[in-house]
Amino acid sequence: DKYIEDIILKRDLYNIVDEIFGKLNASHLGIWGEREKPHNTKYETGYFGAELDNNLVVKELLDLSSIVKKVSKNDRLLAVEGRKINGLKELDKKLTGKANKKLNLLFENAGSIEIELKTRKHFHDIYIKEKDIEKKRFVKRKSNNKLVYIHLHKMNDKNLKKFKDEIASFGSDKKGLILDIRNNSGGNIAKDILGILKRDVYAYSKRRYFNELTEEPTGYSWSKPVVVLINEKSFSNAEIFPLGFKNLKRGKVIGIPTAGGVIGTYHTTLMDGTNFRLPHVKWLTLDKKNMENMGVEPDIFIENHPEDILNGKDPQLDKAIEVIMKQIK
């Protein structure tokens, strides 16, 4: 009863229930209202794909953004829609509510350009793509094109298709695979990926007129060396996968322990549209230990520090390359 007087809106009730869930010390719990309307960008700040310093000088540009073809680094933003801008704070005000709208920007060197601003999420997705491309190139260069790098950001059907497509495109010159599941929020494809990585070849077949041998069974498979990268943001199904990978003795797991949030859930809807997300399936290790609040330990512990990120370094990936290159020699 002592909480009732604090409840004015339904959201207030949800906040209290969330606090009650917190007492259970379990992941994947939640309560929310009816399905929200499509995201409204009316008051959302627009972005144009460039990082500016306090003097509005361009310090970085996203390679996959449209502005990169019009503006160069060290150019300076002078005005927005014909009005002079003084500093980042004033710029933020000008760009508020301008997501998905076209604006005229005046730069010192590039001059006047028209560009459509995008949402923060749009450029976050672009940033992730650019980082993946950058790491692929890095692995290719460091391994003399012998290794392949794949980063799965979620354990969902889209990423499963991505994994299968990349596996199918590999040539025979590729000798090893680095599978990165760091910062992966989970999903339900762990068993599918493990099935591809542990599909043992029992024979070869050869067609008349063709020199190539075909591995049997056919289908998506990768029997060459693999290492897996994990971190504290590998969550749920992205923890079940490295556990299975280790138990199948398929290769080394490198990084730091995973989050320890491993529960299968379902959700139920009440008459008023309120939704509950509740535990449904417990996941256990082979020695019957509950994975919830435990996480998965790497075979090789190595941590990426903040200064590494700031300096564009990735010691975990460096270690993965070192380990797998020793295996393929």
Foldseek 3Di string as FASTA:
>chain_A
DVQVVVDDDVVSVQVVVVVVVVVVQAPFWGKDFADDDPDDQQFAFFAQAFDADFQQFTADGQPPGPCPVQDDGRKHWADKQPHGDHGDVRVRVVRTRQAQHWIWTAIPPSGIDIDRTHGPVVVVVSVVVVVQVVVQVVLCVVLVNQEGEDEDQEQDPVSVVVVQVVQVPDDPSHAEYEYEDENYAYDPCLVVVVCQAPVDFDDWDDDPPDDDIATPPDGRHDPGAYEYEYEQNQEANSQVNVLVCVVVVRYFYEEAFYNQRYFDWDWDADPNRMIIIDGDGFDAHPVGHTSHVPTDGTPYYDYDDPVCVVVVHDVRVVVRSVVRSVVRD
